[in-house]
Amino acid sequence: MKKIIILIVFLISFSANVQEIKTTIEEVDTINLGVFEQEKVVRYTIGYVKICIAAQDYLDGVEVFYNRYKKWSIETKKGDSNYEFYVTNFRVIDSVFQTVKEQIISKDTVDVYQQTFDNIGLGSLVDFDKYIEKGECAIYNKNGIRQFKIIRKFESYYVGPLNAWGGRRFYLLNDETYFFEAADWVS
């Protein structure tokens, strides 16, 4: 009986923590994406959107994580609580990094999927917000139609002292769901 009560309390507290957190929108603006011409491109699928950036820019972004996770996976001892996390994540990052480097030699476009990183609990590894804000990318919707205007919303929420967030979320026109977010601060 005691186990059932503990389970019920856990489920109630878990369901309370899963609630949708409403954000405050502080500012909204439009980003115009202009001409994007690159010979070698990484086409990154994140949800229903494809973001294209220069292949070298993608490799430069991933290389930071590649080096970091390689170092951590070598330095962390077996039996350490983080060992499996670092080794598993490094294997995935290494695989994607090496695959893009190899394929971009013979292909103009290499596809990478966020789902690959979601499976191990990692984000995109590349600061796509910087490329969107500088207009150094091409973005396509789920129908493959190029988007030339992106809505950027500066949003935040505050639930408590250790549960707050502020950043930028990017939306396609006439879409209520953001396709990418960048945290500017977290508490």
N, C-alpha and C. Protein backbone atom coordinates (compact mmCIF):
# COMPACT_ATOMS: atom_id res chain seq x y z
N MET A 1 0.82 -1.19 0.00
CA MET A 1 0.00 0.00 0.00
C MET A 1 0.86 1.26 0.00
N LYS A 2 1.96 1.22 0.77
CA LYS A 2 2.86 2.36 0.85
C LYS A 2 3.46 2.67 -0.53
N LYS A 3 3.80 1.62 -1.30
CA LYS A 3 4.37 1.80 -2.63
C LYS A 3 3.36 2.45 -3.57
N ILE A 4 2.10 2.10 -3.45
CA ILE A 4 1.06 2.69 -4.30
C ILE A 4 0.90 4.17 -3.99
N ILE A 5 0.92 4.53 -2.74
CA ILE A 5 0.79 5.95 -2.35
C ILE A 5 1.98 6.74 -2.87
N ILE A 6 3.18 6.20 -2.74
CA ILE A 6 4.37 6.87 -3.25
C ILE A 6 4.27 7.04 -4.76
N LEU A 7 3.82 6.01 -5.47
CA LEU A 7 3.65 6.08 -6.92
C LEU A 7 2.64 7.15 -7.31
N ILE A 8 1.53 7.23 -6.61
CA ILE A 8 0.51 8.23 -6.90
C ILE A 8 1.05 9.64 -6.67
N VAL A 9 1.76 9.86 -5.57
CA VAL A 9 2.36 11.16 -5.30
C VAL A 9 3.36 11.52 -6.39
N PHE A 10 4.18 10.55 -6.82
CA PHE A 10 5.16 10.78 -7.88
C PHE A 10 4.46 11.17 -9.18
N LEU A 11 3.42 10.44 -9.55
CA LEU A 11 2.70 10.73 -10.79
C LEU A 11 2.04 12.09 -10.77
N ILE A 12 1.48 12.47 -9.64
CA ILE A 12 0.85 13.80 -9.52
C ILE A 12 1.90 14.89 -9.64
N SER A 13 3.03 14.73 -8.95
CA SER A 13 4.08 15.75 -9.04
C SER A 13 4.70 15.78 -10.42
N PHE A 14 4.83 14.62 -11.07
CA PHE A 14 5.39 14.57 -12.43
C PHE A 14 4.47 15.28 -13.40
N SER A 15 3.16 15.02 -13.32
CA SER A 15 2.23 15.64 -14.25
C SER A 15 2.17 17.15 -14.02
N ALA A 16 2.38 17.60 -12.81
CA ALA A 16 2.39 19.05 -12.54
C ALA A 16 3.61 19.70 -13.17
N ASN A 17 4.72 18.98 -13.25
CA ASN A 17 5.94 19.54 -13.82
C ASN A 17 5.94 19.54 -15.35
N VAL A 18 5.05 18.81 -15.98
CA VAL A 18 5.03 18.69 -17.43
C VAL A 18 4.20 19.80 -18.07
N GLN A 19 3.55 20.61 -17.26
CA GLN A 19 2.66 21.64 -17.78
C GLN A 19 3.37 22.58 -18.75
N GLU A 20 2.61 23.13 -19.66
CA GLU A 20 3.11 24.10 -20.62
C GLU A 20 3.45 25.39 -19.88
N ILE A 21 4.64 25.90 -20.08
CA ILE A 21 5.04 27.15 -19.45
C ILE A 21 4.78 28.28 -20.43
N LYS A 22 4.00 29.24 -20.02
CA LYS A 22 3.65 30.38 -20.87
C LYS A 22 4.78 31.39 -20.81
N THR A 23 5.18 31.84 -21.98
CA THR A 23 6.26 32.82 -22.04
C THR A 23 5.68 34.23 -22.19
N THR A 24 6.49 35.19 -21.82
CA THR A 24 6.17 36.60 -22.04
C THR A 24 6.94 37.02 -23.29
N ILE A 25 6.25 37.59 -24.23
CA ILE A 25 6.89 38.07 -25.46
C ILE A 25 7.28 39.52 -25.24
N GLU A 26 8.57 39.79 -25.31
CA GLU A 26 9.09 41.12 -25.02
C GLU A 26 9.27 41.97 -26.27
N GLU A 27 9.58 41.32 -27.39
CA GLU A 27 9.81 42.05 -28.64
C GLU A 27 9.63 41.08 -29.79
N VAL A 28 9.14 41.59 -30.91
CA VAL A 28 8.96 40.78 -32.12
C VAL A 28 9.51 41.57 -33.30
N ASP A 29 10.29 40.91 -34.14
CA ASP A 29 10.73 41.56 -35.36
C ASP A 29 10.82 40.53 -36.50
N THR A 30 11.10 41.04 -37.68
CA THR A 30 11.18 40.19 -38.87
C THR A 30 12.59 40.21 -39.40
N ILE A 31 13.08 39.04 -39.75
CA ILE A 31 14.41 38.91 -40.34
C ILE A 31 14.21 38.57 -41.82
N ASN A 32 14.84 39.34 -42.68
CA ASN A 32 14.77 39.08 -44.11
C ASN A 32 15.98 38.26 -44.55
N LEU A 33 15.71 37.11 -45.11
CA LEU A 33 16.78 36.27 -45.63
C LEU A 33 16.94 36.57 -47.11
N GLY A 34 18.13 36.92 -47.49
CA GLY A 34 18.37 37.28 -48.88
C GLY A 34 18.92 36.11 -49.68
N VAL A 35 19.80 36.44 -50.57
CA VAL A 35 20.41 35.45 -51.46
C VAL A 35 21.33 34.55 -50.64
N PHE A 36 21.25 33.27 -50.90
CA PHE A 36 22.14 32.31 -50.24
C PHE A 36 22.74 31.45 -51.34
N GLU A 37 24.00 31.67 -51.62
CA GLU A 37 24.68 30.91 -52.67
C GLU A 37 25.95 30.30 -52.10
N GLN A 38 25.97 29.00 -52.02
CA GLN A 38 27.13 28.26 -51.53
C GLN A 38 27.31 27.03 -52.41
N GLU A 39 28.54 26.67 -52.67
CA GLU A 39 28.79 25.47 -53.46
C GLU A 39 28.58 24.20 -52.64
N LYS A 40 28.93 24.23 -51.38
CA LYS A 40 28.83 23.06 -50.50
C LYS A 40 27.96 23.45 -49.31
N VAL A 41 26.89 22.67 -49.10
CA VAL A 41 25.88 23.03 -48.11
C VAL A 41 25.54 21.85 -47.22
N VAL A 42 25.29 22.14 -45.94
CA VAL A 42 24.68 21.16 -45.04
C VAL A 42 23.22 21.57 -44.90
N ARG A 43 22.31 20.61 -45.18
CA ARG A 43 20.87 20.83 -45.05
C ARG A 43 20.45 20.14 -43.76
N TYR A 44 20.14 20.94 -42.76
CA TYR A 44 19.87 20.45 -41.42
C TYR A 44 18.36 20.42 -41.19
N THR A 45 17.83 19.23 -40.97
CA THR A 45 16.40 19.09 -40.71
C THR A 45 16.15 19.13 -39.22
N ILE A 46 15.35 20.12 -38.82
CA ILE A 46 14.99 20.27 -37.42
C ILE A 46 13.47 20.40 -37.38
N GLY A 47 12.83 19.33 -36.95
CA GLY A 47 11.37 19.30 -36.97
C GLY A 47 10.86 19.31 -38.40
N TYR A 48 10.05 20.30 -38.72
CA TYR A 48 9.45 20.41 -40.05
C TYR A 48 10.17 21.41 -40.94
N VAL A 49 11.32 21.90 -40.50
CA VAL A 49 12.06 22.94 -41.22
C VAL A 49 13.43 22.41 -41.61
N LYS A 50 13.91 22.88 -42.76
CA LYS A 50 15.28 22.58 -43.19
C LYS A 50 16.06 23.89 -43.24
N ILE A 51 17.20 23.90 -42.55
CA ILE A 51 18.07 25.07 -42.53
C ILE A 51 19.34 24.71 -43.29
N CYS A 52 19.68 25.50 -44.29
CA CYS A 52 20.90 25.26 -45.08
C CYS A 52 21.94 26.31 -44.73
N ILE A 53 23.14 25.84 -44.38
CA ILE A 53 24.26 26.74 -44.16
C ILE A 53 25.47 26.18 -44.91
N ALA A 54 26.49 27.00 -45.06
CA ALA A 54 27.72 26.58 -45.72
C ALA A 54 28.30 25.38 -44.97
N ALA A 55 28.74 24.38 -45.70
CA ALA A 55 29.26 23.16 -45.09
C ALA A 55 30.42 23.45 -44.14
N GLN A 56 31.30 24.36 -44.51
CA GLN A 56 32.43 24.66 -43.64
C GLN A 56 31.97 25.32 -42.34
N ASP A 57 30.94 26.16 -42.40
CA ASP A 57 30.39 26.75 -41.19
C ASP A 57 29.82 25.67 -40.27
N TYR A 58 29.14 24.69 -40.86
CA TYR A 58 28.60 23.59 -40.06
C TYR A 58 29.73 22.80 -39.40
N LEU A 59 30.74 22.46 -40.19
CA LEU A 59 31.87 21.69 -39.65
C LEU A 59 32.60 22.47 -38.55
N ASP A 60 32.76 23.76 -38.73
CA ASP A 60 33.42 24.58 -37.71
C ASP A 60 32.63 24.56 -36.41
N GLY A 61 31.31 24.64 -36.50
CA GLY A 61 30.47 24.61 -35.31
C GLY A 61 30.52 23.27 -34.59
N VAL A 62 30.46 22.19 -35.34
CA VAL A 62 30.48 20.85 -34.75
C VAL A 62 31.86 20.51 -34.19
N GLU A 63 32.90 21.04 -34.82
CA GLU A 63 34.26 20.73 -34.38
C GLU A 63 34.52 21.13 -32.93
N VAL A 64 33.88 22.20 -32.48
CA VAL A 64 34.01 22.63 -31.08
C VAL A 64 33.55 21.51 -30.16
N PHE A 65 32.37 20.94 -30.45
CA PHE A 65 31.83 19.86 -29.62
C PHE A 65 32.62 18.56 -29.82
N TYR A 66 33.07 18.34 -31.03
CA TYR A 66 33.88 17.16 -31.33
C TYR A 66 35.12 17.15 -30.43
N ASN A 67 35.84 18.26 -30.40
CA ASN A 67 37.06 18.35 -29.58
C ASN A 67 36.75 18.25 -28.09
N ARG A 68 35.69 18.91 -27.67
CA ARG A 68 35.31 18.90 -26.25
C ARG A 68 34.95 17.48 -25.79
N TYR A 69 34.07 16.81 -26.53
CA TYR A 69 33.63 15.47 -26.12
C TYR A 69 34.73 14.44 -26.30
N LYS A 70 35.60 14.63 -27.26
CA LYS A 70 36.74 13.72 -27.42
C LYS A 70 37.63 13.80 -26.18
N LYS A 71 37.92 15.03 -25.76
CA LYS A 71 38.75 15.24 -24.57
C LYS A 71 38.09 14.63 -23.34
N TRP A 72 36.80 14.90 -23.14
CA TRP A 72 36.10 14.38 -21.97
C TRP A 72 36.03 12.86 -21.98
N SER A 73 35.83 12.26 -23.15
CA SER A 73 35.72 10.80 -23.20
C SER A 73 37.07 10.13 -22.94
N ILE A 74 38.15 10.82 -23.25
CA ILE A 74 39.49 10.28 -22.98
C ILE A 74 39.86 10.48 -21.50
N GLU A 75 39.56 11.67 -20.97
CA GLU A 75 39.97 12.00 -19.61
C GLU A 75 39.10 11.37 -18.51
N THR A 76 37.85 11.07 -18.83
CA THR A 76 36.93 10.52 -17.83
C THR A 76 37.22 9.04 -17.65
N LYS A 77 37.33 8.63 -16.41
CA LYS A 77 37.64 7.24 -16.09
C LYS A 77 36.39 6.37 -16.17
N LYS A 78 36.59 5.11 -16.59
CA LYS A 78 35.49 4.14 -16.54
C LYS A 78 35.01 4.05 -15.11
N GLY A 79 33.71 3.93 -14.94
CA GLY A 79 33.14 3.88 -13.61
C GLY A 79 32.66 5.24 -13.14
N ASP A 80 33.21 6.32 -13.71
CA ASP A 80 32.73 7.67 -13.40
C ASP A 80 31.30 7.78 -13.91
N SER A 81 30.46 8.50 -13.20
CA SER A 81 29.04 8.59 -13.57
C SER A 81 28.82 9.23 -14.94
N ASN A 82 29.75 10.03 -15.43
CA ASN A 82 29.61 10.69 -16.73
C ASN A 82 30.27 9.94 -17.88
N TYR A 83 31.00 8.87 -17.58
CA TYR A 83 31.79 8.18 -18.60
C TYR A 83 30.95 7.75 -19.80
N GLU A 84 29.88 7.00 -19.57
CA GLU A 84 29.05 6.50 -20.67
C GLU A 84 28.44 7.65 -21.47
N PHE A 85 28.02 8.69 -20.78
CA PHE A 85 27.43 9.86 -21.44
C PHE A 85 28.43 10.47 -22.42
N TYR A 86 29.65 10.74 -21.97
CA TYR A 86 30.66 11.35 -22.83
C TYR A 86 31.04 10.44 -23.99
N VAL A 87 31.26 9.16 -23.71
CA VAL A 87 31.68 8.23 -24.76
C VAL A 87 30.58 8.05 -25.80
N THR A 88 29.35 7.86 -25.35
CA THR A 88 28.22 7.68 -26.29
C THR A 88 28.04 8.93 -27.14
N ASN A 89 28.04 10.10 -26.51
CA ASN A 89 27.86 11.34 -27.26
C ASN A 89 29.01 11.59 -28.22
N PHE A 90 30.24 11.28 -27.79
CA PHE A 90 31.38 11.47 -28.69
C PHE A 90 31.25 10.57 -29.92
N ARG A 91 30.81 9.35 -29.74
CA ARG A 91 30.66 8.44 -30.89
C ARG A 91 29.69 9.02 -31.92
N VAL A 92 28.58 9.58 -31.46
CA VAL A 92 27.60 10.16 -32.38
C VAL A 92 28.16 11.41 -33.05
N ILE A 93 28.76 12.29 -32.25
CA ILE A 93 29.33 13.52 -32.81
C ILE A 93 30.44 13.18 -33.80
N ASP A 94 31.30 12.24 -33.44
CA ASP A 94 32.38 11.81 -34.33
C ASP A 94 31.82 11.26 -35.64
N SER A 95 30.81 10.44 -35.55
CA SER A 95 30.21 9.84 -36.75
C SER A 95 29.65 10.90 -37.68
N VAL A 96 28.90 11.85 -37.12
CA VAL A 96 28.31 12.92 -37.95
C VAL A 96 29.42 13.80 -38.53
N PHE A 97 30.38 14.18 -37.70
CA PHE A 97 31.48 15.04 -38.13
C PHE A 97 32.26 14.40 -39.28
N GLN A 98 32.65 13.14 -39.10
CA GLN A 98 33.43 12.45 -40.14
C GLN A 98 32.60 12.23 -41.41
N THR A 99 31.33 11.90 -41.25
CA THR A 99 30.46 11.66 -42.40
C THR A 99 30.31 12.93 -43.24
N VAL A 100 30.05 14.05 -42.58
CA VAL A 100 29.91 15.31 -43.32
C VAL A 100 31.22 15.65 -44.01
N LYS A 101 32.35 15.51 -43.32
CA LYS A 101 33.65 15.81 -43.93
C LYS A 101 33.91 14.96 -45.17
N GLU A 102 33.55 13.68 -45.09
CA GLU A 102 33.78 12.78 -46.22
C GLU A 102 32.80 13.03 -47.37
N GLN A 103 31.53 13.18 -47.05
CA GLN A 103 30.52 13.32 -48.10
C GLN A 103 30.60 14.66 -48.83
N ILE A 104 31.02 15.70 -48.15
CA ILE A 104 31.04 17.02 -48.77
C ILE A 104 32.09 17.10 -49.88
N ILE A 105 33.02 16.17 -49.89
CA ILE A 105 34.03 16.14 -50.96
C ILE A 105 33.37 15.81 -52.30
N SER A 106 32.44 14.87 -52.30
CA SER A 106 31.83 14.43 -53.55
C SER A 106 30.39 14.93 -53.77
N LYS A 107 29.79 15.52 -52.76
CA LYS A 107 28.41 16.00 -52.87
C LYS A 107 28.35 17.51 -52.66
N ASP A 108 27.32 18.12 -53.24
CA ASP A 108 27.09 19.54 -53.00
C ASP A 108 26.29 19.78 -51.73
N THR A 109 25.45 18.80 -51.37
CA THR A 109 24.58 18.94 -50.20
C THR A 109 24.64 17.67 -49.36
N VAL A 110 24.83 17.86 -48.06
CA VAL A 110 24.83 16.74 -47.12
C VAL A 110 23.70 16.98 -46.13
N ASP A 111 22.88 15.95 -45.91
CA ASP A 111 21.76 16.06 -44.98
C ASP A 111 22.15 15.59 -43.59
N VAL A 112 21.74 16.38 -42.58
CA VAL A 112 21.93 16.04 -41.18
C VAL A 112 20.57 16.25 -40.51
N TYR A 113 20.25 15.39 -39.54
CA TYR A 113 18.95 15.43 -38.90
C TYR A 113 19.09 15.65 -37.39
N GLN A 114 18.32 16.60 -36.88
CA GLN A 114 18.32 16.87 -35.44
C GLN A 114 17.95 15.63 -34.64
N GLN A 115 17.13 14.77 -35.20
CA GLN A 115 16.70 13.55 -34.51
C GLN A 115 17.90 12.72 -34.06
N THR A 116 18.97 12.75 -34.83
CA THR A 116 20.20 12.03 -34.46
C THR A 116 20.69 12.49 -33.09
N PHE A 117 20.64 13.80 -32.85
CA PHE A 117 21.13 14.37 -31.59
C PHE A 117 20.07 14.28 -30.50
N ASP A 118 18.80 14.38 -30.89
CA ASP A 118 17.72 14.23 -29.90
C ASP A 118 17.80 12.88 -29.21
N ASN A 119 18.17 11.86 -29.95
CA ASN A 119 18.24 10.50 -29.41
C ASN A 119 19.23 10.37 -28.25
N ILE A 120 20.21 11.27 -28.18
CA ILE A 120 21.19 11.21 -27.09
C ILE A 120 21.12 12.45 -26.19
N GLY A 121 20.10 13.26 -26.39
CA GLY A 121 19.88 14.41 -25.51
C GLY A 121 20.72 15.63 -25.80
N LEU A 122 21.15 15.79 -27.05
CA LEU A 122 21.93 16.97 -27.43
C LEU A 122 21.13 17.88 -28.35
N GLY A 123 21.47 19.14 -28.32
CA GLY A 123 20.88 20.11 -29.25
C GLY A 123 21.58 20.04 -30.60
N SER A 124 21.47 21.10 -31.35
CA SER A 124 21.95 21.10 -32.74
C SER A 124 23.47 21.17 -32.90
N LEU A 125 24.19 21.58 -31.90
CA LEU A 125 25.65 21.75 -31.91
C LEU A 125 26.11 22.93 -32.74
N VAL A 126 25.22 23.56 -33.48
CA VAL A 126 25.56 24.72 -34.30
C VAL A 126 24.62 25.85 -33.91
N ASP A 127 25.15 27.05 -33.79
CA ASP A 127 24.34 28.21 -33.43
C ASP A 127 23.62 28.74 -34.66
N PHE A 128 22.55 28.05 -35.04
CA PHE A 128 21.80 28.45 -36.24
C PHE A 128 21.23 29.86 -36.09
N ASP A 129 20.97 30.28 -34.86
CA ASP A 129 20.43 31.63 -34.65
C ASP A 129 21.35 32.69 -35.24
N LYS A 130 22.65 32.49 -35.15
CA LYS A 130 23.60 33.46 -35.70
C LYS A 130 23.49 33.54 -37.22
N TYR A 131 23.33 32.40 -37.87
CA TYR A 131 23.22 32.38 -39.33
C TYR A 131 21.88 32.96 -39.78
N ILE A 132 20.83 32.70 -39.02
CA ILE A 132 19.51 33.28 -39.35
C ILE A 132 19.57 34.79 -39.20
N GLU A 133 20.10 35.25 -38.08
CA GLU A 133 20.13 36.69 -37.81
C GLU A 133 21.04 37.45 -38.78
N LYS A 134 22.09 36.81 -39.28
CA LYS A 134 22.97 37.46 -40.26
C LYS A 134 22.49 37.23 -41.69
N GLY A 135 21.44 36.42 -41.86
CA GLY A 135 20.93 36.13 -43.20
C GLY A 135 21.85 35.24 -44.01
N GLU A 136 22.67 34.45 -43.33
CA GLU A 136 23.65 33.59 -44.00
C GLU A 136 23.17 32.14 -44.05
N CYS A 137 21.91 31.96 -44.43
CA CYS A 137 21.34 30.63 -44.53
C CYS A 137 20.12 30.68 -45.45
N ALA A 138 19.64 29.50 -45.77
CA ALA A 138 18.36 29.38 -46.48
C ALA A 138 17.49 28.48 -45.62
N ILE A 139 16.21 28.81 -45.54
CA ILE A 139 15.27 28.03 -44.73
C ILE A 139 14.10 27.61 -45.59
N TYR A 140 13.73 26.34 -45.45
CA TYR A 140 12.63 25.77 -46.24
C TYR A 140 11.59 25.19 -45.28
N ASN A 141 10.31 25.35 -45.66
CA ASN A 141 9.24 24.80 -44.84
C ASN A 141 9.03 23.32 -45.16
N LYS A 142 8.02 22.72 -44.56
CA LYS A 142 7.78 21.28 -44.73
C LYS A 142 7.43 20.90 -46.17
N ASN A 143 6.99 21.88 -46.98
CA ASN A 143 6.66 21.63 -48.39
C ASN A 143 7.84 21.91 -49.31
N GLY A 144 9.00 22.26 -48.73
CA GLY A 144 10.19 22.54 -49.53
C GLY A 144 10.21 23.93 -50.14
N ILE A 145 9.36 24.83 -49.64
CA ILE A 145 9.30 26.19 -50.17
C ILE A 145 10.23 27.08 -49.37
N ARG A 146 11.09 27.79 -50.09
CA ARG A 146 12.06 28.68 -49.45
C ARG A 146 11.33 29.81 -48.74
N GLN A 147 11.78 30.09 -47.52
CA GLN A 147 11.21 31.15 -46.71
C GLN A 147 12.17 32.34 -46.69
N PHE A 148 11.67 33.50 -47.04
CA PHE A 148 12.53 34.68 -47.10
C PHE A 148 12.34 35.62 -45.91
N LYS A 149 11.29 35.39 -45.13
CA LYS A 149 11.04 36.18 -43.93
C LYS A 149 10.85 35.23 -42.75
N ILE A 150 11.56 35.53 -41.68
CA ILE A 150 11.49 34.74 -40.45
C ILE A 150 11.09 35.69 -39.32
N ILE A 151 10.20 35.24 -38.47
CA ILE A 151 9.79 36.03 -37.31
C ILE A 151 10.68 35.63 -36.13
N ARG A 152 11.25 36.65 -35.48
CA ARG A 152 12.06 36.42 -34.28
C ARG A 152 11.33 37.06 -33.10
N LYS A 153 11.11 36.25 -32.06
CA LYS A 153 10.46 36.74 -30.85
C LYS A 153 11.43 36.60 -29.69
N PHE A 154 11.57 37.69 -28.96
CA PHE A 154 12.36 37.67 -27.73
C PHE A 154 11.38 37.30 -26.62
N GLU A 155 11.56 36.13 -26.03
CA GLU A 155 10.61 35.61 -25.06
C GLU A 155 11.33 35.25 -23.77
N SER A 156 10.52 35.16 -22.70
CA SER A 156 11.07 34.73 -21.42
C SER A 156 9.96 34.16 -20.56
N TYR A 157 10.37 33.42 -19.55
CA TYR A 157 9.42 32.98 -18.53
C TYR A 157 10.13 32.95 -17.19
N TYR A 158 9.33 33.12 -16.14
CA TYR A 158 9.83 33.05 -14.79
C TYR A 158 8.83 32.26 -13.96
N VAL A 159 9.26 31.08 -13.51
CA VAL A 159 8.42 30.26 -12.65
C VAL A 159 8.89 30.41 -11.20
N GLY A 160 10.20 30.53 -11.02
CA GLY A 160 10.78 30.68 -9.70
C GLY A 160 12.25 30.99 -9.82
N PRO A 161 12.95 31.14 -8.67
CA PRO A 161 14.37 31.53 -8.69
C PRO A 161 15.27 30.61 -9.52
N LEU A 162 14.99 29.34 -9.56
CA LEU A 162 15.82 28.42 -10.33
C LEU A 162 15.05 27.81 -11.50
N ASN A 163 14.06 28.53 -11.99
CA ASN A 163 13.27 28.05 -13.10
C ASN A 163 12.83 29.24 -13.95
N ALA A 164 13.78 29.77 -14.70
CA ALA A 164 13.50 30.92 -15.55
C ALA A 164 14.35 30.80 -16.82
N TRP A 165 13.87 31.42 -17.89
CA TRP A 165 14.55 31.33 -19.18
C TRP A 165 14.24 32.58 -19.99
N GLY A 166 15.22 32.99 -20.78
CA GLY A 166 15.01 34.09 -21.72
C GLY A 166 15.83 33.86 -22.96
N GLY A 167 15.25 34.14 -24.11
CA GLY A 167 15.99 33.94 -25.35
C GLY A 167 15.19 34.34 -26.56
N ARG A 168 15.64 33.84 -27.70
CA ARG A 168 15.00 34.15 -28.97
C ARG A 168 14.43 32.89 -29.58
N ARG A 169 13.22 33.01 -30.10
CA ARG A 169 12.58 31.91 -30.80
C ARG A 169 12.28 32.36 -32.22
N PHE A 170 12.47 31.43 -33.14
CA PHE A 170 12.31 31.74 -34.56
C PHE A 170 11.12 30.98 -35.13
N TYR A 171 10.29 31.69 -35.88
CA TYR A 171 9.05 31.16 -36.43
C TYR A 171 8.99 31.42 -37.93
N LEU A 172 8.34 30.52 -38.65
CA LEU A 172 7.99 30.81 -40.03
C LEU A 172 6.79 31.74 -40.01
N LEU A 173 6.59 32.51 -41.08
CA LEU A 173 5.41 33.38 -41.15
C LEU A 173 4.14 32.56 -40.98
N ASN A 174 3.18 33.12 -40.29
CA ASN A 174 1.87 32.49 -40.07
C ASN A 174 1.96 31.13 -39.38
N ASP A 175 2.96 30.94 -38.56
CA ASP A 175 3.12 29.69 -37.83
C ASP A 175 3.24 30.00 -36.35
N GLU A 176 2.50 29.29 -35.52
CA GLU A 176 2.51 29.55 -34.09
C GLU A 176 3.56 28.73 -33.34
N THR A 177 4.20 27.78 -34.02
CA THR A 177 5.19 26.92 -33.40
C THR A 177 6.59 27.35 -33.84
N TYR A 178 7.45 27.60 -32.88
CA TYR A 178 8.82 27.99 -33.25
C TYR A 178 9.58 26.76 -33.76
N PHE A 179 10.51 27.00 -34.67
CA PHE A 179 11.31 25.89 -35.20
C PHE A 179 12.71 25.86 -34.60
N PHE A 180 13.14 26.96 -33.98
CA PHE A 180 14.46 26.99 -33.36
C PHE A 180 14.43 28.02 -32.25
N GLU A 181 15.15 27.72 -31.17
CA GLU A 181 15.27 28.69 -30.09
C GLU A 181 16.72 28.77 -29.62
N ALA A 182 17.09 29.96 -29.15
CA ALA A 182 18.42 30.18 -28.62
C ALA A 182 18.27 30.81 -27.23
N ALA A 183 18.86 30.19 -26.24
CA ALA A 183 18.79 30.71 -24.87
C ALA A 183 19.82 31.81 -24.69
N ASP A 184 19.38 32.93 -24.18
CA ASP A 184 20.29 34.03 -23.86
C ASP A 184 20.63 34.02 -22.37
N TRP A 185 19.73 33.50 -21.55
CA TRP A 185 20.00 33.34 -20.12
C TRP A 185 19.09 32.27 -19.55
N VAL A 186 19.57 31.61 -18.52
CA VAL A 186 18.83 30.55 -17.85
C VAL A 186 19.08 30.68 -16.35
N SER A 187 18.06 30.42 -15.58
CA SER A 187 18.22 30.44 -14.13
C SER A 187 17.61 29.18 -13.55
